[in-house]
Amino acid sequence: MRLRFLPFILIAFSAAIAAGTVQSAQSQSMTSGQVTFASGGVGEDSLQRMEALSKDFNLKVIFALKAGNYLADVAVVISDARGAKVIETVSEGPWFLAKLPPGKYQFTATYESESFTRATTIPATGQRELIFRWERAE
């Protein structure tokens, strides 16, 4: 009798492990050239991981609608002062963190084909924070 439930328990356990793997992958650091970055913040666990990671990065960017809803799947391009791309990726969540050398950069964020570009300066110490907000495309 008890052995009939074993396959169900194994399936449930496997699903739980897979879900945990996906969540933890959302806020892992990645590298592009010499620049380290991370994105995530979908779900409470991922948001807490991103908050904990943020102290190690000098750029913190948040993506949201003007109504306040957070956004994921935002295309990100960061170019240096010479126009060379240093990061080109898609943010997996509303938080995007990067560790850049101090200097001037162009940050372009694209969501649902609407792009915003901002010039920013990364300081030698401390953290620069940018917030991008979109109108809801209906």
N, C-alpha and C. Protein backbone atom coordinates (compact mmCIF):
# COMPACT_ATOMS: atom_id res chain seq x y z
N MET A 1 0.82 -1.20 0.00
CA MET A 1 0.00 0.00 0.00
C MET A 1 0.85 1.25 0.00
N ARG A 2 1.83 1.33 0.86
CA ARG A 2 2.66 2.54 0.99
C ARG A 2 3.48 2.78 -0.27
N LEU A 3 3.89 1.75 -0.97
CA LEU A 3 4.72 1.91 -2.15
C LEU A 3 3.97 2.58 -3.30
N ARG A 4 2.65 2.56 -3.32
CA ARG A 4 1.89 3.22 -4.38
C ARG A 4 2.10 4.72 -4.37
N PHE A 5 2.37 5.30 -3.23
CA PHE A 5 2.54 6.74 -3.12
C PHE A 5 3.97 7.19 -3.43
N LEU A 6 4.90 6.27 -3.46
CA LEU A 6 6.29 6.61 -3.71
C LEU A 6 6.49 7.36 -5.03
N PRO A 7 5.92 6.92 -6.17
CA PRO A 7 6.12 7.69 -7.41
C PRO A 7 5.60 9.12 -7.29
N PHE A 8 4.49 9.33 -6.62
CA PHE A 8 3.95 10.68 -6.47
C PHE A 8 4.88 11.56 -5.61
N ILE A 9 5.43 10.97 -4.58
CA ILE A 9 6.35 11.70 -3.71
C ILE A 9 7.61 12.07 -4.50
N LEU A 10 8.13 11.13 -5.29
CA LEU A 10 9.32 11.41 -6.09
C LEU A 10 9.06 12.50 -7.12
N ILE A 11 7.90 12.47 -7.76
CA ILE A 11 7.55 13.50 -8.75
C ILE A 11 7.45 14.86 -8.06
N ALA A 12 6.78 14.93 -6.92
CA ALA A 12 6.64 16.19 -6.20
C ALA A 12 8.01 16.71 -5.76
N PHE A 13 8.87 15.82 -5.27
CA PHE A 13 10.21 16.21 -4.84
C PHE A 13 11.03 16.73 -6.02
N SER A 14 10.96 16.05 -7.16
CA SER A 14 11.69 16.48 -8.36
C SER A 14 11.21 17.85 -8.83
N ALA A 15 9.91 18.09 -8.79
CA ALA A 15 9.36 19.39 -9.20
C ALA A 15 9.84 20.49 -8.26
N ALA A 16 9.89 20.20 -6.98
CA ALA A 16 10.35 21.20 -6.01
C ALA A 16 11.82 21.54 -6.24
N ILE A 17 12.64 20.54 -6.52
CA ILE A 17 14.05 20.79 -6.79
C ILE A 17 14.20 21.61 -8.06
N ALA A 18 13.46 21.26 -9.11
CA ALA A 18 13.53 22.01 -10.38
C ALA A 18 13.11 23.45 -10.18
N ALA A 19 12.08 23.70 -9.42
CA ALA A 19 11.62 25.08 -9.16
C ALA A 19 12.69 25.86 -8.41
N GLY A 20 13.34 25.25 -7.47
CA GLY A 20 14.40 25.92 -6.72
C GLY A 20 15.59 26.24 -7.61
N THR A 21 15.91 25.36 -8.55
CA THR A 21 17.00 25.60 -9.48
C THR A 21 16.70 26.79 -10.36
N VAL A 22 15.48 26.90 -10.86
CA VAL A 22 15.11 28.03 -11.71
C VAL A 22 15.20 29.32 -10.93
N GLN A 23 14.68 29.36 -9.71
CA GLN A 23 14.70 30.58 -8.92
C GLN A 23 16.12 31.01 -8.60
N SER A 24 16.99 30.07 -8.22
CA SER A 24 18.34 30.47 -7.86
C SER A 24 19.12 30.91 -9.08
N ALA A 25 18.82 30.38 -10.25
CA ALA A 25 19.51 30.80 -11.47
C ALA A 25 19.14 32.22 -11.84
N GLN A 26 17.98 32.69 -11.41
CA GLN A 26 17.54 34.03 -11.77
C GLN A 26 18.41 35.13 -11.19
N SER A 27 19.08 34.91 -10.11
CA SER A 27 19.85 35.99 -9.51
C SER A 27 21.32 35.63 -9.33
N GLN A 28 21.85 34.84 -10.24
CA GLN A 28 23.27 34.53 -10.22
C GLN A 28 24.03 35.57 -11.02
N SER A 29 25.26 35.82 -10.64
CA SER A 29 26.09 36.77 -11.36
C SER A 29 26.60 36.15 -12.65
N MET A 30 26.71 37.01 -13.69
CA MET A 30 27.25 36.60 -14.97
C MET A 30 28.33 37.60 -15.35
N THR A 31 29.13 37.25 -16.34
CA THR A 31 30.20 38.12 -16.78
C THR A 31 30.12 38.35 -18.28
N SER A 32 30.33 39.60 -18.68
CA SER A 32 30.42 39.98 -20.09
C SER A 32 31.73 40.75 -20.22
N GLY A 33 32.72 40.13 -20.84
CA GLY A 33 34.05 40.74 -20.87
C GLY A 33 34.58 40.83 -19.45
N GLN A 34 34.85 42.05 -18.98
CA GLN A 34 35.34 42.23 -17.62
C GLN A 34 34.27 42.77 -16.68
N VAL A 35 33.02 42.79 -17.14
CA VAL A 35 31.92 43.36 -16.36
C VAL A 35 31.06 42.23 -15.79
N THR A 36 30.80 42.33 -14.49
CA THR A 36 29.94 41.36 -13.81
C THR A 36 28.55 41.98 -13.65
N PHE A 37 27.50 41.18 -13.89
CA PHE A 37 26.14 41.67 -13.72
C PHE A 37 25.24 40.54 -13.25
N ALA A 38 24.08 40.93 -12.75
CA ALA A 38 23.07 39.97 -12.29
C ALA A 38 21.70 40.59 -12.51
N SER A 39 20.71 39.74 -12.71
CA SER A 39 19.34 40.24 -12.83
C SER A 39 18.40 39.24 -12.18
N GLY A 40 17.25 39.72 -11.77
CA GLY A 40 16.28 38.86 -11.11
C GLY A 40 15.31 39.72 -10.32
N GLY A 41 14.74 39.12 -9.31
CA GLY A 41 13.80 39.83 -8.47
C GLY A 41 12.36 39.42 -8.68
N VAL A 42 12.14 38.34 -9.46
CA VAL A 42 10.79 37.83 -9.64
C VAL A 42 10.52 36.84 -8.50
N GLY A 43 9.60 37.16 -7.65
CA GLY A 43 9.31 36.34 -6.49
C GLY A 43 10.09 36.84 -5.28
N GLU A 44 9.56 36.56 -4.12
CA GLU A 44 10.14 37.06 -2.87
C GLU A 44 11.55 36.55 -2.63
N ASP A 45 11.81 35.26 -2.89
CA ASP A 45 13.15 34.71 -2.66
C ASP A 45 14.18 35.36 -3.56
N SER A 46 13.84 35.51 -4.84
CA SER A 46 14.77 36.13 -5.79
C SER A 46 15.01 37.60 -5.44
N LEU A 47 13.97 38.29 -5.02
CA LEU A 47 14.11 39.69 -4.63
C LEU A 47 15.06 39.82 -3.43
N GLN A 48 14.93 38.93 -2.47
CA GLN A 48 15.81 38.96 -1.30
C GLN A 48 17.26 38.68 -1.70
N ARG A 49 17.46 37.74 -2.65
CA ARG A 49 18.81 37.46 -3.13
C ARG A 49 19.40 38.67 -3.85
N MET A 50 18.58 39.35 -4.65
CA MET A 50 19.06 40.53 -5.36
C MET A 50 19.42 41.65 -4.37
N GLU A 51 18.61 41.83 -3.35
CA GLU A 51 18.92 42.84 -2.32
C GLU A 51 20.25 42.52 -1.64
N ALA A 52 20.47 41.24 -1.34
CA ALA A 52 21.72 40.84 -0.70
C ALA A 52 22.91 41.03 -1.64
N LEU A 53 22.73 40.75 -2.92
CA LEU A 53 23.80 40.90 -3.91
C LEU A 53 24.13 42.37 -4.19
N SER A 54 23.16 43.25 -4.06
CA SER A 54 23.31 44.63 -4.54
C SER A 54 24.49 45.37 -3.91
N LYS A 55 24.88 45.01 -2.71
CA LYS A 55 26.00 45.70 -2.05
C LYS A 55 27.32 45.49 -2.79
N ASP A 56 27.41 44.46 -3.62
CA ASP A 56 28.64 44.15 -4.35
C ASP A 56 28.70 44.80 -5.73
N PHE A 57 27.68 45.60 -6.09
CA PHE A 57 27.60 46.19 -7.42
C PHE A 57 27.50 47.71 -7.31
N ASN A 58 28.04 48.42 -8.31
CA ASN A 58 28.00 49.89 -8.26
C ASN A 58 26.90 50.49 -9.16
N LEU A 59 26.11 49.64 -9.81
CA LEU A 59 24.95 50.11 -10.57
C LEU A 59 23.76 49.23 -10.23
N LYS A 60 22.67 49.87 -9.85
CA LYS A 60 21.42 49.18 -9.53
C LYS A 60 20.33 49.83 -10.39
N VAL A 61 19.63 49.00 -11.17
CA VAL A 61 18.58 49.50 -12.05
C VAL A 61 17.31 48.74 -11.74
N ILE A 62 16.20 49.47 -11.71
CA ILE A 62 14.89 48.86 -11.47
C ILE A 62 13.98 49.19 -12.65
N PHE A 63 13.24 48.18 -13.12
CA PHE A 63 12.32 48.33 -14.25
C PHE A 63 10.89 48.14 -13.75
N ALA A 64 10.01 49.10 -14.08
CA ALA A 64 8.62 49.02 -13.62
C ALA A 64 7.71 49.79 -14.58
N LEU A 65 6.42 49.53 -14.43
CA LEU A 65 5.42 50.35 -15.10
C LEU A 65 5.18 51.58 -14.25
N LYS A 66 4.67 52.64 -14.86
CA LYS A 66 4.36 53.85 -14.08
C LYS A 66 3.31 53.55 -13.02
N ALA A 67 2.47 52.54 -13.25
CA ALA A 67 1.47 52.13 -12.27
C ALA A 67 2.10 51.43 -11.07
N GLY A 68 3.39 51.06 -11.18
CA GLY A 68 4.08 50.45 -10.05
C GLY A 68 4.44 48.99 -10.23
N ASN A 69 3.85 48.30 -11.20
CA ASN A 69 4.14 46.88 -11.42
C ASN A 69 5.58 46.71 -11.90
N TYR A 70 6.29 45.75 -11.31
CA TYR A 70 7.64 45.44 -11.76
C TYR A 70 7.62 44.76 -13.11
N LEU A 71 8.73 44.86 -13.87
CA LEU A 71 8.83 44.26 -15.19
C LEU A 71 10.02 43.31 -15.27
N ALA A 72 9.87 42.28 -16.09
CA ALA A 72 10.96 41.36 -16.42
C ALA A 72 11.10 41.35 -17.94
N ASP A 73 12.10 40.66 -18.42
CA ASP A 73 12.36 40.54 -19.86
C ASP A 73 12.58 41.89 -20.52
N VAL A 74 13.37 42.73 -19.88
CA VAL A 74 13.74 44.03 -20.42
C VAL A 74 15.12 43.89 -21.07
N ALA A 75 15.21 44.29 -22.34
CA ALA A 75 16.50 44.26 -23.04
C ALA A 75 17.38 45.38 -22.51
N VAL A 76 18.63 45.05 -22.24
CA VAL A 76 19.58 45.99 -21.64
C VAL A 76 20.82 46.09 -22.52
N VAL A 77 21.21 47.33 -22.82
CA VAL A 77 22.48 47.58 -23.51
C VAL A 77 23.18 48.69 -22.76
N ILE A 78 24.42 48.43 -22.35
CA ILE A 78 25.24 49.45 -21.71
C ILE A 78 26.46 49.66 -22.60
N SER A 79 26.68 50.93 -22.96
CA SER A 79 27.82 51.30 -23.80
C SER A 79 28.72 52.26 -23.02
N ASP A 80 30.02 52.15 -23.26
CA ASP A 80 30.96 53.05 -22.58
C ASP A 80 31.02 54.40 -23.30
N ALA A 81 31.87 55.29 -22.83
CA ALA A 81 31.95 56.65 -23.35
C ALA A 81 32.35 56.69 -24.83
N ARG A 82 33.03 55.65 -25.31
CA ARG A 82 33.42 55.58 -26.72
C ARG A 82 32.34 54.97 -27.60
N GLY A 83 31.25 54.49 -26.96
CA GLY A 83 30.16 53.88 -27.71
C GLY A 83 30.27 52.37 -27.84
N ALA A 84 31.31 51.77 -27.26
CA ALA A 84 31.48 50.32 -27.31
C ALA A 84 30.53 49.66 -26.32
N LYS A 85 29.81 48.61 -26.75
CA LYS A 85 28.91 47.88 -25.87
C LYS A 85 29.72 47.09 -24.86
N VAL A 86 29.39 47.27 -23.59
CA VAL A 86 30.04 46.49 -22.53
C VAL A 86 29.11 45.40 -22.00
N ILE A 87 27.80 45.61 -22.13
CA ILE A 87 26.80 44.60 -21.76
C ILE A 87 25.65 44.67 -22.76
N GLU A 88 25.22 43.51 -23.23
CA GLU A 88 24.00 43.40 -24.03
C GLU A 88 23.32 42.11 -23.60
N THR A 89 22.18 42.24 -22.93
CA THR A 89 21.51 41.08 -22.35
C THR A 89 20.04 41.38 -22.16
N VAL A 90 19.32 40.43 -21.58
CA VAL A 90 17.92 40.63 -21.20
C VAL A 90 17.82 40.41 -19.71
N SER A 91 17.26 41.39 -19.00
CA SER A 91 17.10 41.29 -17.56
C SER A 91 15.99 40.29 -17.25
N GLU A 92 16.29 39.32 -16.41
CA GLU A 92 15.32 38.27 -16.05
C GLU A 92 14.31 38.73 -15.02
N GLY A 93 14.48 39.92 -14.51
CA GLY A 93 13.55 40.43 -13.50
C GLY A 93 13.64 41.93 -13.43
N PRO A 94 12.95 42.51 -12.47
CA PRO A 94 12.90 43.97 -12.37
C PRO A 94 14.18 44.61 -11.84
N TRP A 95 15.08 43.81 -11.27
CA TRP A 95 16.33 44.34 -10.77
C TRP A 95 17.46 43.92 -11.70
N PHE A 96 18.31 44.88 -12.02
CA PHE A 96 19.50 44.63 -12.82
C PHE A 96 20.67 45.27 -12.10
N LEU A 97 21.69 44.50 -11.82
CA LEU A 97 22.88 44.98 -11.11
C LEU A 97 24.10 44.81 -12.00
N ALA A 98 25.01 45.76 -11.95
CA ALA A 98 26.26 45.64 -12.72
C ALA A 98 27.40 46.23 -11.92
N LYS A 99 28.59 45.68 -12.14
CA LYS A 99 29.81 46.21 -11.54
C LYS A 99 30.66 46.69 -12.70
N LEU A 100 30.69 48.02 -12.87
CA LEU A 100 31.36 48.66 -13.99
C LEU A 100 32.56 49.47 -13.49
N PRO A 101 33.58 49.62 -14.32
CA PRO A 101 34.65 50.55 -13.95
C PRO A 101 34.08 51.96 -13.88
N PRO A 102 34.60 52.81 -13.00
CA PRO A 102 34.11 54.19 -12.92
C PRO A 102 34.22 54.86 -14.30
N GLY A 103 33.22 55.68 -14.62
CA GLY A 103 33.25 56.37 -15.89
C GLY A 103 31.85 56.71 -16.38
N LYS A 104 31.78 57.18 -17.63
CA LYS A 104 30.50 57.58 -18.23
C LYS A 104 29.98 56.46 -19.13
N TYR A 105 28.66 56.25 -19.06
CA TYR A 105 28.01 55.18 -19.81
C TYR A 105 26.66 55.64 -20.35
N GLN A 106 26.22 54.95 -21.39
CA GLN A 106 24.86 55.08 -21.91
C GLN A 106 24.14 53.79 -21.55
N PHE A 107 22.99 53.90 -20.92
CA PHE A 107 22.20 52.73 -20.53
C PHE A 107 20.91 52.77 -21.33
N THR A 108 20.66 51.74 -22.13
CA THR A 108 19.42 51.66 -22.91
C THR A 108 18.62 50.46 -22.43
N ALA A 109 17.36 50.71 -22.11
CA ALA A 109 16.44 49.66 -21.65
C ALA A 109 15.26 49.63 -22.63
N THR A 110 14.90 48.43 -23.11
CA THR A 110 13.81 48.28 -24.07
C THR A 110 12.81 47.26 -23.55
N TYR A 111 11.55 47.68 -23.50
CA TYR A 111 10.46 46.80 -23.09
C TYR A 111 9.31 46.99 -24.08
N GLU A 112 8.83 45.88 -24.62
CA GLU A 112 7.74 45.91 -25.61
C GLU A 112 7.99 46.97 -26.68
N SER A 113 9.18 46.96 -27.25
CA SER A 113 9.64 47.83 -28.34
C SER A 113 9.70 49.32 -28.00
N GLU A 114 9.56 49.70 -26.73
CA GLU A 114 9.74 51.09 -26.32
C GLU A 114 11.06 51.19 -25.56
N SER A 115 11.96 52.04 -26.07
CA SER A 115 13.29 52.16 -25.49
C SER A 115 13.49 53.50 -24.81
N PHE A 116 14.29 53.47 -23.76
CA PHE A 116 14.74 54.66 -23.08
C PHE A 116 16.25 54.58 -22.97
N THR A 117 16.93 55.70 -23.21
CA THR A 117 18.38 55.75 -23.05
C THR A 117 18.71 56.86 -22.08
N ARG A 118 19.60 56.54 -21.15
CA ARG A 118 20.04 57.53 -20.17
C ARG A 118 21.55 57.51 -20.09
N ALA A 119 22.11 58.69 -20.00
CA ALA A 119 23.54 58.81 -19.71
C ALA A 119 23.69 58.73 -18.20
N THR A 120 24.71 58.05 -17.76
CA THR A 120 24.98 57.97 -16.33
C THR A 120 26.48 57.91 -16.09
N THR A 121 26.87 58.31 -14.92
CA THR A 121 28.27 58.23 -14.52
C THR A 121 28.36 57.28 -13.34
N ILE A 122 29.24 56.31 -13.47
CA ILE A 122 29.47 55.36 -12.39
C ILE A 122 30.59 55.94 -11.51
N PRO A 123 30.30 56.15 -10.23
CA PRO A 123 31.30 56.76 -9.34
C PRO A 123 32.40 55.77 -8.95
N ALA A 124 33.52 56.32 -8.48
CA ALA A 124 34.62 55.47 -8.01
C ALA A 124 34.22 54.73 -6.73
N THR A 125 33.34 55.32 -5.93
CA THR A 125 32.82 54.65 -4.73
C THR A 125 31.32 54.87 -4.68
N GLY A 126 30.62 53.99 -4.01
CA GLY A 126 29.18 54.11 -3.88
C GLY A 126 28.45 53.40 -5.02
N GLN A 127 27.17 53.68 -5.09
CA GLN A 127 26.32 53.00 -6.07
C GLN A 127 25.42 54.00 -6.78
N ARG A 128 25.31 53.87 -8.09
CA ARG A 128 24.39 54.67 -8.90
C ARG A 128 23.10 53.86 -9.05
N GLU A 129 21.95 54.51 -8.87
CA GLU A 129 20.66 53.83 -9.03
C GLU A 129 19.87 54.53 -10.14
N LEU A 130 19.34 53.72 -11.05
CA LEU A 130 18.47 54.20 -12.11
C LEU A 130 17.14 53.49 -12.02
N ILE A 131 16.06 54.21 -12.32
CA ILE A 131 14.73 53.60 -12.37
C ILE A 131 14.13 53.95 -13.72
N PHE A 132 13.70 52.93 -14.45
CA PHE A 132 13.03 53.10 -15.73
C PHE A 132 11.56 52.73 -15.55
N ARG A 133 10.66 53.62 -16.03
CA ARG A 133 9.22 53.36 -15.90
C ARG A 133 8.55 53.51 -17.27
N TRP A 134 7.73 52.53 -17.60
CA TRP A 134 6.99 52.53 -18.86
C TRP A 134 5.49 52.70 -18.61
N GLU A 135 4.82 53.32 -19.58
CA GLU A 135 3.36 53.31 -19.61
C GLU A 135 2.94 51.90 -19.99
N ARG A 136 1.79 51.48 -19.59
CA ARG A 136 1.28 50.16 -19.96
C ARG A 136 0.88 50.17 -21.42
N ALA A 137 1.47 49.30 -22.22
CA ALA A 137 1.08 49.18 -23.63
C ALA A 137 -0.15 48.31 -23.73
N GLU A 138 -1.28 48.90 -24.06
CA GLU A 138 -2.54 48.15 -24.15
C GLU A 138 -2.97 47.99 -25.58
